Protein backbone atom coordinates (compact mmCIF):
# COMPACT_ATOMS: atom_id res chain seq x y z
CA ALA A 1 -3.66 -1.84 -11.57
CA THR A 2 -0.45 -3.84 -11.10
CA LEU A 3 -1.71 -5.23 -7.80
CA THR A 4 -5.02 -6.00 -9.52
CA THR A 5 -3.13 -8.11 -12.07
CA TRP A 6 -1.42 -10.08 -9.30
CA PHE A 7 -4.83 -11.01 -7.93
CA GLY A 8 -5.94 -12.55 -11.21
CA PHE A 9 -7.62 -9.72 -13.14
CA ILE A 10 -6.21 -8.27 -16.37
CA PRO A 11 -7.08 -4.62 -15.75
CA ASP A 12 -7.84 -3.32 -19.23
CA ILE A 13 -9.32 -6.57 -20.56
CA ASP A 14 -11.32 -8.07 -17.70
CA LEU A 15 -12.49 -4.76 -16.24
CA LEU A 16 -14.59 -1.83 -17.38
CA GLU A 17 -14.46 1.65 -15.86
CA ASP A 18 -17.64 0.74 -13.99
CA ASP A 19 -15.77 -2.11 -12.24
CA THR A 20 -13.48 0.36 -10.47
CA LEU A 21 -13.98 3.04 -7.81
CA ALA A 22 -14.84 5.63 -10.48
CA THR A 23 -18.58 5.83 -9.77
CA THR A 24 -17.98 5.50 -6.04
CA LEU A 25 -15.66 8.50 -5.97
CA LEU A 26 -17.50 10.71 -8.43
CA GLU A 27 -21.13 9.91 -7.67
CA ASN A 28 -22.20 7.64 -4.80
CA GLU A 29 -20.03 6.24 -2.00
CA LYS A 30 -22.48 3.37 -1.42
CA ASP A 31 -21.53 2.02 -4.86
CA ILE A 32 -18.38 0.61 -3.23
CA ASN A 33 -20.33 -2.51 -2.22
CA ARG A 34 -20.93 -3.32 -5.88
CA VAL A 35 -17.28 -3.18 -6.99
CA ILE A 36 -15.78 -5.34 -4.23
CA LYS A 37 -14.67 -8.66 -5.74
CA LYS A 38 -13.53 -11.95 -4.27
CA THR A 39 -9.98 -13.09 -5.05
CA TYR A 40 -8.43 -16.55 -5.31
CA PHE A 41 -7.23 -16.14 -1.71
CA ALA A 42 -9.65 -17.00 1.07
CA GLY A 43 -10.50 -13.98 3.19
CA ILE A 44 -9.06 -11.40 0.76
CA ASP A 45 -11.31 -9.16 -1.32
CA ILE A 46 -10.20 -6.53 -3.81
CA ILE A 47 -11.53 -3.42 -5.48
CA PRO A 48 -9.75 -3.63 -8.85
CA ALA A 49 -8.21 -0.75 -10.74
CA ASN A 50 -7.30 0.04 -14.33
CA LEU A 51 -6.24 3.05 -16.37
CA GLU A 52 -9.80 4.36 -16.46
CA LEU A 53 -9.19 5.68 -12.94
CA GLN A 54 -7.11 8.39 -14.58
CA ASN A 55 -10.44 9.97 -15.52
CA VAL A 56 -11.22 10.22 -11.80
CA GLU A 57 -7.79 11.73 -11.19
CA LEU A 58 -8.60 14.44 -13.72
CA ASN A 59 -12.23 15.08 -12.74
CA LEU A 60 -12.18 15.03 -8.92
CA PRO A 61 -10.33 18.35 -8.48
CA PHE A 62 -12.83 20.12 -10.76
CA LEU A 63 -16.19 19.10 -9.30
CA SER A 64 -18.75 21.86 -9.39
CA ASP A 65 -19.82 23.64 -6.20
CA GLU A 66 -23.23 22.01 -6.52
CA LYS A 67 -21.65 18.56 -6.75
CA ILE A 68 -19.43 19.18 -3.71
CA ILE A 69 -22.49 20.23 -1.71
CA GLU A 70 -24.17 16.99 -2.81
CA ILE A 71 -21.37 14.46 -2.19
CA GLY A 72 -18.90 16.27 0.08
CA SER A 73 -15.21 17.17 -0.20
CA PRO A 74 -13.38 15.67 -3.20
CA LEU A 75 -10.52 14.76 -0.80
CA LYS A 76 -12.82 12.71 1.46
CA ARG A 77 -14.61 10.60 -1.12
CA LEU A 78 -12.61 7.41 -0.47
CA LYS A 79 -12.95 7.79 3.30
CA SER A 80 -16.72 8.16 2.98
CA ALA A 81 -16.86 5.03 0.84
CA LEU A 82 -14.66 2.94 3.13
CA ASP A 83 -16.80 3.96 6.10
CA GLU A 84 -19.56 1.98 4.40
CA VAL A 85 -17.61 -1.31 4.49
CA LYS A 86 -14.77 -1.04 7.01
CA SER A 87 -16.61 -3.02 9.68
CA ASN A 88 -16.42 -6.06 7.38
CA TYR A 89 -12.60 -6.21 7.42
CA ASP A 90 -9.67 -6.45 9.82
CA VAL A 91 -7.34 -4.53 7.48
CA ILE A 92 -7.96 -2.47 4.37
CA ILE A 93 -4.86 -1.84 2.25
CA ILE A 94 -4.86 1.18 -0.05
CA ASP A 95 -2.20 0.86 -2.75
CA CYS A 96 -1.40 4.14 -4.47
CA PRO A 97 1.47 5.74 -6.40
CA PRO A 98 4.01 8.05 -4.71
CA ASN A 99 2.51 11.30 -5.93
CA THR A 100 0.12 13.95 -4.64
CA GLY A 101 -2.67 13.52 -7.17
CA ALA A 102 -6.37 13.40 -6.27
CA LEU A 103 -6.41 9.63 -5.73
CA THR A 104 -3.38 9.67 -3.44
CA MET A 105 -4.86 12.61 -1.52
CA ASN A 106 -7.99 10.52 -1.00
CA ALA A 107 -5.85 7.65 0.28
CA VAL A 108 -4.11 9.99 2.72
CA SER A 109 -7.47 11.26 3.97
CA ALA A 110 -8.76 7.74 4.53
CA ALA A 111 -5.66 6.17 6.11
CA ASN A 112 -5.05 5.68 9.82
CA SER A 113 -1.74 3.90 9.14
CA VAL A 114 1.02 4.34 6.57
CA LEU A 115 3.71 1.94 5.36
CA ILE A 116 6.24 3.40 2.92
CA THR A 117 8.50 1.08 0.95
CA LEU A 118 11.95 2.54 0.28
CA PRO A 119 14.99 0.95 -1.38
CA PRO A 120 18.30 1.92 0.29
CA SER A 121 19.67 3.79 -2.72
CA MET A 122 20.52 7.47 -2.94
CA PRO A 123 18.12 8.36 -5.81
CA ASP A 124 15.21 6.69 -4.00
CA PHE A 125 16.19 8.29 -0.69
CA ALA A 126 16.34 11.75 -2.29
CA SER A 127 12.88 11.23 -3.82
CA PHE A 128 11.58 10.04 -0.46
CA VAL A 129 12.82 13.19 1.32
CA ARG A 130 11.09 15.40 -1.24
CA LEU A 131 7.89 13.35 -1.07
CA THR A 132 7.70 13.42 2.74
CA LYS A 133 7.99 17.21 2.79
CA THR A 134 4.99 17.34 0.48
CA LEU A 135 3.08 14.66 2.39
CA LYS A 136 3.55 16.57 5.62
CA LYS A 137 1.59 19.45 4.13
CA VAL A 138 -0.98 17.06 2.66
CA PHE A 139 -1.57 15.30 5.99
CA SER A 140 -1.96 18.62 7.81
CA VAL A 141 -4.83 19.50 5.47
CA ALA A 142 -6.40 16.16 4.55
CA ASN A 143 -5.79 14.04 7.66
CA PRO A 144 -4.71 16.08 10.68
CA HIS A 145 -5.31 13.22 13.15
CA GLU A 146 -2.42 11.23 14.60
CA LEU A 147 -1.69 7.99 12.75
CA ASP A 148 -1.92 4.66 14.57
CA PHE A 149 1.07 3.35 12.63
CA PHE A 150 3.79 4.92 10.48
CA ARG A 151 6.71 2.80 9.34
CA ILE A 152 9.28 2.67 6.56
CA LEU A 153 10.12 -0.71 5.04
CA LEU A 154 13.55 -0.90 3.44
CA THR A 155 13.04 -3.04 0.38
CA LYS A 156 15.04 -4.32 -2.62
CA HIS A 157 17.98 -4.36 -0.19
CA LYS A 158 21.05 -5.57 -2.08
CA GLY A 159 23.09 -6.17 1.07
CA ASN A 160 26.20 -4.63 -0.48
CA ASN A 161 28.41 -1.99 1.10
CA ALA A 162 26.59 0.97 -0.46
CA ALA A 163 23.16 -0.31 0.58
CA ASN A 164 24.34 -1.10 4.11
CA LYS A 165 25.82 2.40 4.58
CA LEU A 166 22.61 4.05 3.44
CA ASP A 167 20.64 1.65 5.63
CA GLN A 168 22.65 2.84 8.65
CA LEU A 169 22.15 6.49 7.68
CA MET A 170 18.38 6.07 7.34
CA ARG A 171 18.11 4.29 10.68
CA LYS A 172 20.12 7.06 12.31
CA LEU A 173 17.78 9.68 10.84
CA TYR A 174 14.44 7.93 11.28
CA GLY A 175 15.11 5.51 14.14
CA GLU A 176 12.14 3.45 15.27
CA PHE A 177 10.09 4.50 12.25
CA ILE A 178 12.11 2.04 10.14
CA LEU A 179 11.13 -1.60 10.49
CA VAL A 180 13.81 -3.76 12.11
CA ASN A 181 13.63 -6.25 9.25
CA HIS A 182 14.11 -5.44 5.58
CA MET A 183 13.13 -7.11 2.31
CA ILE A 184 16.07 -8.34 0.29
CA ASP A 185 16.67 -7.98 -3.43
CA SER A 186 16.42 -11.54 -4.73
CA ALA A 187 16.34 -13.34 -8.07
CA GLU A 188 13.59 -15.56 -6.66
CA ILE A 189 11.36 -12.52 -6.16
CA ASP A 190 12.05 -11.38 -9.73
CA ASN A 191 11.26 -14.85 -11.09
CA THR A 192 8.00 -15.23 -9.21
CA SER A 193 6.96 -11.66 -10.04
CA ASN A 194 7.50 -12.31 -13.74
CA ALA A 195 5.14 -15.28 -13.41
CA LEU A 196 2.62 -13.05 -11.58
CA LEU A 197 3.08 -15.08 -8.42
CA SER A 198 4.20 -14.38 -4.87
CA LEU A 199 6.87 -16.31 -3.03
CA TYR A 200 4.14 -18.12 -1.14
CA GLU A 201 2.63 -19.50 -4.34
CA LYS A 202 5.84 -20.96 -5.74
CA GLN A 203 5.47 -24.74 -5.70
CA TYR A 204 9.16 -25.50 -6.06
CA ALA A 205 12.42 -23.60 -5.82
CA THR A 206 14.92 -23.45 -8.66
CA ASN A 207 17.58 -22.58 -6.11
CA SER A 208 16.60 -23.79 -2.65
CA THR A 209 19.14 -21.64 -0.80
CA THR A 210 18.07 -18.48 -2.62
CA TYR A 211 14.41 -19.32 -2.14
CA ARG A 212 14.78 -20.01 1.59
CA ARG A 213 16.65 -16.73 2.07
CA ALA A 214 13.92 -14.79 0.25
CA ILE A 215 10.99 -16.45 2.02
CA GLU A 216 12.64 -16.03 5.43
CA ALA A 217 13.12 -12.29 4.78
CA CYS A 218 9.52 -11.99 3.63
CA ASN A 219 8.20 -13.85 6.67
CA LYS A 220 10.17 -11.65 9.08
CA VAL A 221 8.88 -8.46 7.47
CA ASN A 222 5.27 -9.66 7.40
CA LEU A 223 5.46 -10.87 11.00
CA GLU A 224 6.86 -7.55 12.21
CA ILE A 225 4.04 -5.65 10.48
CA PHE A 226 1.44 -8.06 11.86
CA GLU A 227 2.82 -7.74 15.37
CA ALA A 228 2.52 -3.95 15.07
CA PHE A 229 -1.12 -4.34 14.01
CA LYS A 230 -1.78 -6.62 16.97
CA GLU A 231 -0.40 -3.95 19.26
CA ILE A 232 -2.77 -1.40 17.71
CA TRP A 233 -5.66 -3.83 18.18
CA GLY A 234 -4.67 -4.36 21.80
CA ILE A 235 -3.73 -8.02 21.34
CA LYS A 236 -0.81 -9.15 23.51
CA SER A 237 2.16 -10.25 21.39
CA THR A 238 3.43 -13.78 21.91
CA VAL A 239 6.18 -13.67 19.30
CA ASN A 240 9.49 -11.82 19.36
CA ASN A 241 9.82 -10.35 15.88
CA HIS A 242 13.62 -10.15 16.26
CA GLU A 243 13.87 -13.95 16.28
C-alpha cells in the first residue's frame, strides 16, 4: 500500500477492496486484467493495494477442499494470475513485507528473481538471518526451481565505521550475492519521500552536493540491477557497472 501511494493512489480513500488482487486471489485469476491500472509514468502499470488485502491474508490459508479443487493451490494463486499477463511486461515487481504470510508465500511461488534490501545494521542483519532460514524452507516447498537472480542490496548505508564494518562482514559471508553498489542514507531521500516523490522527480535540489551524491548512488544501483536483468535476457552488456 505504501508503494501504491507513491504512484498516486491513496489506498484507503481512492481504492475499494475490489480494486486490489482480492478477487483475483480468492476467486478468479483472470480478474487480474481488470485491476491493472496505468500510473503517471509511461510504461509502468500497477496493481494497487490497501489494507483490505489483509482479508485475503486471513482467508487464503483456510479455503475449503472444494474451493482448492476449483481454483488450485492457495500458494499458487498469484503465479496463476501473473501467467495471464506476464507476456505484456518486461519486468513484474512484487512488493511484499518480510514475513511468511499467505501473500508473501504467493510472491515466493511466483518469483523467478529475488532482490532483498538490507541496511548494514546489526538488528536488521539478525532479522535477515532469521528470515532467510525460514525462506529457505518456504522456497523448497513453494518454488523449488532455481532462481534466475538473487541479490542483496545494502541500503540506508550511513557510511560510518559501524556500517562499513558490517558491510565488510556481509560481503565476506555472502560474496557475489551482494550488489557491488549500495544505496546511501541521505537527507535528500528523506525529503523527497516525505513529499511522496522519488529522487528523479525532484525539480530542484536544496543542497546540490547532497542531491548529486544521492542520485549518483541511486543510478549506480539501478544500473547494476538492470545490467543483471540484461544478462538474464541474453543481451550483451555495453556498460561497466563499476564505473
